[in-house]
Amino acid sequence: GAGKSTLLAILAGALAPSSGRVTAAEPPRRIGW
């Protein structure tokens, strides 16, 4: 319940953060989840 799975889902782009933001380096990165 600490938020590990939620954070991974946010990083994967499957869930929008309720606050804050995720910044990716350029060029756009390919993500495997």
All heavy atoms as atom14 arrays in JSON, in Angstrom:
{
  "sequence": "GAGKSTLLAILAGALAPSSGRVTAAEPPRRIGW",
  "atom14_mask": [
    [1, 1, 1, 1, 0, 0, 0, 0, 0, 0, 0, 0, 0, 0],
    [1, 1, 1, 1, 1, 0, 0, 0, 0, 0, 0, 0, 0, 0],
    [1, 1, 1, 1, 0, 0, 0, 0, 0, 0, 0, 0, 0, 0],
    [1, 1, 1, 1, 1, 1, 1, 1, 1, 0, 0, 0, 0, 0],
    [1, 1, 1, 1, 1, 1, 0, 0, 0, 0, 0, 0, 0, 0],
    [1, 1, 1, 1, 1, 1, 1, 0, 0, 0, 0, 0, 0, 0],
    [1, 1, 1, 1, 1, 1, 1, 1, 0, 0, 0, 0, 0, 0],
    [1, 1, 1, 1, 1, 1, 1, 1, 0, 0, 0, 0, 0, 0],
    [1, 1, 1, 1, 1, 0, 0, 0, 0, 0, 0, 0, 0, 0],
    [1, 1, 1, 1, 1, 1, 1, 1, 0, 0, 0, 0, 0, 0],
    [1, 1, 1, 1, 1, 1, 1, 1, 0, 0, 0, 0, 0, 0],
    [1, 1, 1, 1, 1, 0, 0, 0, 0, 0, 0, 0, 0, 0],
    [1, 1, 1, 1, 0, 0, 0, 0, 0, 0, 0, 0, 0, 0],
    [1, 1, 1, 1, 1, 0, 0, 0, 0, 0, 0, 0, 0, 0],
    [1, 1, 1, 1, 1, 1, 1, 1, 0, 0, 0, 0, 0, 0],
    [1, 1, 1, 1, 1, 0, 0, 0, 0, 0, 0, 0, 0, 0],
    [1, 1, 1, 1, 1, 1, 1, 0, 0, 0, 0, 0, 0, 0],
    [1, 1, 1, 1, 1, 1, 0, 0, 0, 0, 0, 0, 0, 0],
    [1, 1, 1, 1, 1, 1, 0, 0, 0, 0, 0, 0, 0, 0],
    [1, 1, 1, 1, 0, 0, 0, 0, 0, 0, 0, 0, 0, 0],
    [1, 1, 1, 1, 1, 1, 1, 1, 1, 1, 1, 0, 0, 0],
    [1, 1, 1, 1, 1, 1, 1, 0, 0, 0, 0, 0, 0, 0],
    [1, 1, 1, 1, 1, 1, 1, 0, 0, 0, 0, 0, 0, 0],
    [1, 1, 1, 1, 1, 0, 0, 0, 0, 0, 0, 0, 0, 0],
    [1, 1, 1, 1, 1, 0, 0, 0, 0, 0, 0, 0, 0, 0],
    [1, 1, 1, 1, 1, 1, 1, 1, 1, 0, 0, 0, 0, 0],
    [1, 1, 1, 1, 1, 1, 1, 0, 0, 0, 0, 0, 0, 0],
    [1, 1, 1, 1, 1, 1, 1, 0, 0, 0, 0, 0, 0, 0],
    [1, 1, 1, 1, 1, 1, 1, 1, 1, 1, 1, 0, 0, 0],
    [1, 1, 1, 1, 1, 1, 1, 1, 1, 1, 1, 0, 0, 0],
    [1, 1, 1, 1, 1, 1, 1, 1, 0, 0, 0, 0, 0, 0],
    [1, 1, 1, 1, 0, 0, 0, 0, 0, 0, 0, 0, 0, 0],
    [1, 1, 1, 1, 1, 1, 1, 1, 1, 1, 1, 1, 1, 1]
  ],
  "atom14_positions": [
    [[0.79, -1.22, 0.0], [0.0, 0.0, 0.0], [0.82, 1.28, 0.0], [0.26, 2.37, 0.09], [0.0, 0.0, 0.0], [0.0, 0.0, 0.0], [0.0, 0.0, 0.0], [0.0, 0.0, 0.0], [0.0, 0.0, 0.0], [0.0, 0.0, 0.0], [0.0, 0.0, 0.0], [0.0, 0.0, 0.0], [0.0, 0.0, 0.0], [0.0, 0.0, 0.0]],
    [[2.15, 1.16, -0.11], [3.02, 2.35, -0.06], [2.95, 3.17, -1.34], [3.31, 4.35, -1.34], [4.46, 1.93, 0.2], [0.0, 0.0, 0.0], [0.0, 0.0, 0.0], [0.0, 0.0, 0.0], [0.0, 0.0, 0.0], [0.0, 0.0, 0.0], [0.0, 0.0, 0.0], [0.0, 0.0, 0.0], [0.0, 0.0, 0.0], [0.0, 0.0, 0.0]],
    [[2.53, 2.56, -2.46], [2.44, 3.29, -3.72], [3.39, 2.81, -4.81], [3.51, 3.46, -5.85], [0.0, 0.0, 0.0], [0.0, 0.0, 0.0], [0.0, 0.0, 0.0], [0.0, 0.0, 0.0], [0.0, 0.0, 0.0], [0.0, 0.0, 0.0], [0.0, 0.0, 0.0], [0.0, 0.0, 0.0], [0.0, 0.0, 0.0], [0.0, 0.0, 0.0]],
    [[4.04, 1.68, -4.59], [5.01, 1.18, -5.57], [4.35, 0.85, -6.91], [4.8, 1.32, -7.96], [5.72, -0.07, -5.03], [6.49, 0.16, -3.75], [7.13, -1.09, -3.2], [6.2, -2.23, -2.91], [5.28, -2.04, -1.79], [0.0, 0.0, 0.0], [0.0, 0.0, 0.0], [0.0, 0.0, 0.0], [0.0, 0.0, 0.0], [0.0, 0.0, 0.0]],
    [[3.29, 0.07, -6.87], [2.59, -0.31, -8.11], [1.96, 0.9, -8.79], [1.99, 1.02, -10.01], [1.51, -1.36, -7.83], [2.1, -2.56, -7.36], [0.0, 0.0, 0.0], [0.0, 0.0, 0.0], [0.0, 0.0, 0.0], [0.0, 0.0, 0.0], [0.0, 0.0, 0.0], [0.0, 0.0, 0.0], [0.0, 0.0, 0.0], [0.0, 0.0, 0.0]],
    [[1.44, 1.82, -7.99], [0.85, 3.04, -8.54], [1.92, 3.87, -9.25], [1.69, 4.35, -10.36], [0.18, 3.87, -7.42], [-0.84, 3.07, -6.82], [-0.4, 5.15, -7.95], [0.0, 0.0, 0.0], [0.0, 0.0, 0.0], [0.0, 0.0, 0.0], [0.0, 0.0, 0.0], [0.0, 0.0, 0.0], [0.0, 0.0, 0.0], [0.0, 0.0, 0.0]],
    [[3.08, 4.0, -8.63], [4.16, 4.76, -9.26], [4.58, 4.1, -10.58], [4.76, 4.8, -11.59], [5.37, 4.87, -8.33], [6.58, 5.58, -8.91], [6.24, 7.0, -9.37], [7.72, 5.6, -7.9], [0.0, 0.0, 0.0], [0.0, 0.0, 0.0], [0.0, 0.0, 0.0], [0.0, 0.0, 0.0], [0.0, 0.0, 0.0], [0.0, 0.0, 0.0]],
    [[4.7, 2.79, -10.6], [5.07, 2.11, -11.85], [4.01, 2.32, -12.93], [4.34, 2.54, -14.1], [5.32, 0.62, -11.61], [6.57, 0.29, -10.81], [6.63, -1.21, -10.5], [7.83, 0.73, -11.53], [0.0, 0.0, 0.0], [0.0, 0.0, 0.0], [0.0, 0.0, 0.0], [0.0, 0.0, 0.0], [0.0, 0.0, 0.0], [0.0, 0.0, 0.0]],
    [[2.74, 2.27, -12.55], [1.66, 2.5, -13.52], [1.72, 3.93, -14.07], [1.48, 4.16, -15.26], [0.3, 2.22, -12.88], [0.0, 0.0, 0.0], [0.0, 0.0, 0.0], [0.0, 0.0, 0.0], [0.0, 0.0, 0.0], [0.0, 0.0, 0.0], [0.0, 0.0, 0.0], [0.0, 0.0, 0.0], [0.0, 0.0, 0.0], [0.0, 0.0, 0.0]],
    [[2.07, 4.9, -13.22], [2.22, 6.29, -13.66], [3.39, 6.4, -14.62], [3.29, 7.02, -15.68], [2.37, 7.24, -12.46], [1.04, 7.33, -11.69], [2.83, 8.62, -12.91], [1.15, 8.01, -10.33], [0.0, 0.0, 0.0], [0.0, 0.0, 0.0], [0.0, 0.0, 0.0], [0.0, 0.0, 0.0], [0.0, 0.0, 0.0], [0.0, 0.0, 0.0]],
    [[4.52, 5.79, -14.26], [5.71, 5.83, -15.13], [5.44, 5.17, -16.48], [5.97, 5.59, -17.5], [6.9, 5.17, -14.45], [7.45, 5.87, -13.21], [8.54, 5.04, -12.56], [7.95, 7.27, -13.55], [0.0, 0.0, 0.0], [0.0, 0.0, 0.0], [0.0, 0.0, 0.0], [0.0, 0.0, 0.0], [0.0, 0.0, 0.0], [0.0, 0.0, 0.0]],
    [[4.59, 4.14, -16.48], [4.25, 3.43, -17.72], [3.25, 4.23, -18.57], [3.04, 3.9, -19.73], [3.66, 2.05, -17.4], [0.0, 0.0, 0.0], [0.0, 0.0, 0.0], [0.0, 0.0, 0.0], [0.0, 0.0, 0.0], [0.0, 0.0, 0.0], [0.0, 0.0, 0.0], [0.0, 0.0, 0.0], [0.0, 0.0, 0.0], [0.0, 0.0, 0.0]],
    [[2.65, 5.24, -17.99], [1.66, 6.03, -18.72], [0.27, 5.43, -18.66], [-0.64, 5.88, -19.36], [0.0, 0.0, 0.0], [0.0, 0.0, 0.0], [0.0, 0.0, 0.0], [0.0, 0.0, 0.0], [0.0, 0.0, 0.0], [0.0, 0.0, 0.0], [0.0, 0.0, 0.0], [0.0, 0.0, 0.0], [0.0, 0.0, 0.0], [0.0, 0.0, 0.0]],
    [[0.07, 4.43, -17.8], [-1.23, 3.79, -17.68], [-2.14, 4.48, -16.67], [-3.33, 4.2, -16.63], [-1.04, 2.32, -17.28], [0.0, 0.0, 0.0], [0.0, 0.0, 0.0], [0.0, 0.0, 0.0], [0.0, 0.0, 0.0], [0.0, 0.0, 0.0], [0.0, 0.0, 0.0], [0.0, 0.0, 0.0], [0.0, 0.0, 0.0], [0.0, 0.0, 0.0]],
    [[-1.57, 5.37, -15.87], [-2.32, 6.06, -14.83], [-1.8, 7.49, -14.76], [-0.59, 7.72, -14.82], [-2.08, 5.33, -13.5], [-2.87, 5.74, -12.27], [-4.37, 5.51, -12.48], [-2.39, 4.92, -11.07], [0.0, 0.0, 0.0], [0.0, 0.0, 0.0], [0.0, 0.0, 0.0], [0.0, 0.0, 0.0], [0.0, 0.0, 0.0], [0.0, 0.0, 0.0]],
    [[-2.71, 8.42, -14.63], [-2.31, 9.83, -14.5], [-2.0, 10.13, -13.03], [-2.72, 9.66, -12.14], [-3.43, 10.75, -14.98], [0.0, 0.0, 0.0], [0.0, 0.0, 0.0], [0.0, 0.0, 0.0], [0.0, 0.0, 0.0], [0.0, 0.0, 0.0], [0.0, 0.0, 0.0], [0.0, 0.0, 0.0], [0.0, 0.0, 0.0], [0.0, 0.0, 0.0]],
    [[-0.96, 10.9, -12.78], [-0.67, 11.25, -11.38], [-1.74, 12.18, -10.82], [-2.28, 13.01, -11.54], [0.69, 11.95, -11.46], [0.84, 12.39, -12.87], [0.01, 11.48, -13.72], [0.0, 0.0, 0.0], [0.0, 0.0, 0.0], [0.0, 0.0, 0.0], [0.0, 0.0, 0.0], [0.0, 0.0, 0.0], [0.0, 0.0, 0.0], [0.0, 0.0, 0.0]],
    [[-2.03, 12.03, -9.52], [-3.0, 12.93, -8.89], [-2.36, 14.28, -8.58], [-3.05, 15.28, -8.44], [-3.56, 12.3, -7.61], [-2.51, 11.96, -6.72], [0.0, 0.0, 0.0], [0.0, 0.0, 0.0], [0.0, 0.0, 0.0], [0.0, 0.0, 0.0], [0.0, 0.0, 0.0], [0.0, 0.0, 0.0], [0.0, 0.0, 0.0], [0.0, 0.0, 0.0]],
    [[-1.03, 14.29, -8.49], [-0.29, 15.54, -8.36], [1.13, 15.29, -8.84], [1.56, 14.15, -9.0], [-0.29, 16.05, -6.91], [0.4, 15.14, -6.08], [0.0, 0.0, 0.0], [0.0, 0.0, 0.0], [0.0, 0.0, 0.0], [0.0, 0.0, 0.0], [0.0, 0.0, 0.0], [0.0, 0.0, 0.0], [0.0, 0.0, 0.0], [0.0, 0.0, 0.0]],
    [[1.86, 16.35, -9.1], [3.22, 16.21, -9.6], [3.23, 15.88, -11.08], [2.2, 15.93, -11.76], [0.0, 0.0, 0.0], [0.0, 0.0, 0.0], [0.0, 0.0, 0.0], [0.0, 0.0, 0.0], [0.0, 0.0, 0.0], [0.0, 0.0, 0.0], [0.0, 0.0, 0.0], [0.0, 0.0, 0.0], [0.0, 0.0, 0.0], [0.0, 0.0, 0.0]],
    [[4.42, 15.55, -11.59], [4.52, 15.23, -13.0], [5.72, 14.3, -13.23], [6.63, 14.23, -12.43], [4.66, 16.47, -13.85], [5.96, 17.23, -13.63], [6.01, 18.5, -14.5], [7.29, 19.14, -14.42], [7.72, 19.91, -13.44], [6.93, 20.12, -12.4], [8.9, 20.46, -13.48], [0.0, 0.0, 0.0], [0.0, 0.0, 0.0], [0.0, 0.0, 0.0]],
    [[5.68, 13.63, -14.35], [6.77, 12.76, -14.79], [7.41, 13.43, -15.98], [6.73, 13.82, -16.93], [6.25, 11.35, -15.19], [7.38, 10.51, -15.76], [5.61, 10.67, -14.0], [0.0, 0.0, 0.0], [0.0, 0.0, 0.0], [0.0, 0.0, 0.0], [0.0, 0.0, 0.0], [0.0, 0.0, 0.0], [0.0, 0.0, 0.0], [0.0, 0.0, 0.0]],
    [[8.72, 13.6, -15.92], [9.45, 14.23, -17.01], [10.36, 13.21, -17.65], [11.13, 12.54, -16.95], [10.3, 15.41, -16.48], [9.43, 16.3, -15.78], [10.99, 16.14, -17.6], [0.0, 0.0, 0.0], [0.0, 0.0, 0.0], [0.0, 0.0, 0.0], [0.0, 0.0, 0.0], [0.0, 0.0, 0.0], [0.0, 0.0, 0.0], [0.0, 0.0, 0.0]],
    [[10.27, 13.09, -18.97], [11.1, 12.13, -19.7], [12.17, 12.88, -20.47], [11.95, 13.99, -20.96], [10.25, 11.32, -20.67], [0.0, 0.0, 0.0], [0.0, 0.0, 0.0], [0.0, 0.0, 0.0], [0.0, 0.0, 0.0], [0.0, 0.0, 0.0], [0.0, 0.0, 0.0], [0.0, 0.0, 0.0], [0.0, 0.0, 0.0], [0.0, 0.0, 0.0]],
    [[13.33, 12.25, -20.58], [14.42, 12.83, -21.37], [14.06, 12.76, -22.84], [13.25, 11.94, -23.27], [15.7, 12.05, -21.11], [0.0, 0.0, 0.0], [0.0, 0.0, 0.0], [0.0, 0.0, 0.0], [0.0, 0.0, 0.0], [0.0, 0.0, 0.0], [0.0, 0.0, 0.0], [0.0, 0.0, 0.0], [0.0, 0.0, 0.0], [0.0, 0.0, 0.0]],
    [[14.66, 13.62, -23.61], [14.47, 13.6, -25.07], [15.56, 12.74, -25.68], [16.67, 12.72, -25.19], [14.56, 15.03, -25.62], [13.46, 15.94, -25.12], [12.07, 15.53, -25.58], [11.94, 14.97, -26.69], [11.13, 15.75, -24.83], [0.0, 0.0, 0.0], [0.0, 0.0, 0.0], [0.0, 0.0, 0.0], [0.0, 0.0, 0.0], [0.0, 0.0, 0.0]],
    [[15.35, 12.02, -26.74], [14.07, 11.83, -27.42], [13.13, 10.96, -26.58], [13.57, 10.38, -25.6], [14.48, 11.1, -28.71], [15.7, 10.33, -28.34], [16.41, 11.19, -27.32], [0.0, 0.0, 0.0], [0.0, 0.0, 0.0], [0.0, 0.0, 0.0], [0.0, 0.0, 0.0], [0.0, 0.0, 0.0], [0.0, 0.0, 0.0], [0.0, 0.0, 0.0]],
    [[11.87, 10.86, -27.0], [10.92, 10.06, -26.23], [11.45, 8.64, -26.03], [12.03, 8.05, -26.93], [9.66, 10.05, -27.12], [9.78, 11.26, -27.96], [11.26, 11.48, -28.16], [0.0, 0.0, 0.0], [0.0, 0.0, 0.0], [0.0, 0.0, 0.0], [0.0, 0.0, 0.0], [0.0, 0.0, 0.0], [0.0, 0.0, 0.0], [0.0, 0.0, 0.0]],
    [[11.25, 8.13, -24.85], [11.74, 6.8, -24.49], [10.68, 5.74, -24.72], [9.49, 5.98, -24.56], [12.15, 6.78, -23.02], [13.26, 7.74, -22.69], [14.52, 7.28, -23.34], [15.62, 8.17, -22.98], [16.7, 8.28, -23.7], [16.84, 7.59, -24.79], [17.66, 9.08, -23.33], [0.0, 0.0, 0.0], [0.0, 0.0, 0.0], [0.0, 0.0, 0.0]],
    [[11.15, 4.55, -25.07], [10.27, 3.38, -25.18], [10.22, 2.71, -23.81], [11.25, 2.48, -23.19], [10.8, 2.41, -26.24], [10.78, 3.0, -27.65], [11.38, 2.02, -28.65], [12.69, 1.55, -28.25], [13.85, 2.06, -28.68], [13.86, 3.03, -29.55], [15.0, 1.58, -28.26], [0.0, 0.0, 0.0], [0.0, 0.0, 0.0], [0.0, 0.0, 0.0]],
    [[9.02, 2.42, -23.37], [8.82, 1.85, -22.03], [8.21, 0.47, -22.15], [7.22, 0.28, -22.86], [7.93, 2.76, -21.17], [8.61, 4.12, -20.98], [7.63, 2.11, -19.82], [7.74, 5.15, -20.3], [0.0, 0.0, 0.0], [0.0, 0.0, 0.0], [0.0, 0.0, 0.0], [0.0, 0.0, 0.0], [0.0, 0.0, 0.0], [0.0, 0.0, 0.0]],
    [[8.78, -0.49, -21.44], [8.21, -1.83, -21.3], [7.76, -1.99, -19.86], [8.51, -1.68, -18.93], [0.0, 0.0, 0.0], [0.0, 0.0, 0.0], [0.0, 0.0, 0.0], [0.0, 0.0, 0.0], [0.0, 0.0, 0.0], [0.0, 0.0, 0.0], [0.0, 0.0, 0.0], [0.0, 0.0, 0.0], [0.0, 0.0, 0.0], [0.0, 0.0, 0.0]],
    [[6.54, -2.44, -19.66], [5.97, -2.54, -18.32], [5.48, -3.95, -18.06], [4.72, -4.5, -18.86], [4.83, -1.54, -18.21], [4.09, -1.5, -16.91], [4.6, -1.66, -15.65], [2.69, -1.26, -16.74], [3.61, -1.52, -14.71], [2.43, -1.27, -15.35], [1.64, -1.03, -17.62], [1.16, -1.07, -14.83], [0.39, -0.81, -17.1], [0.15, -0.83, -15.72]]
  ]
}
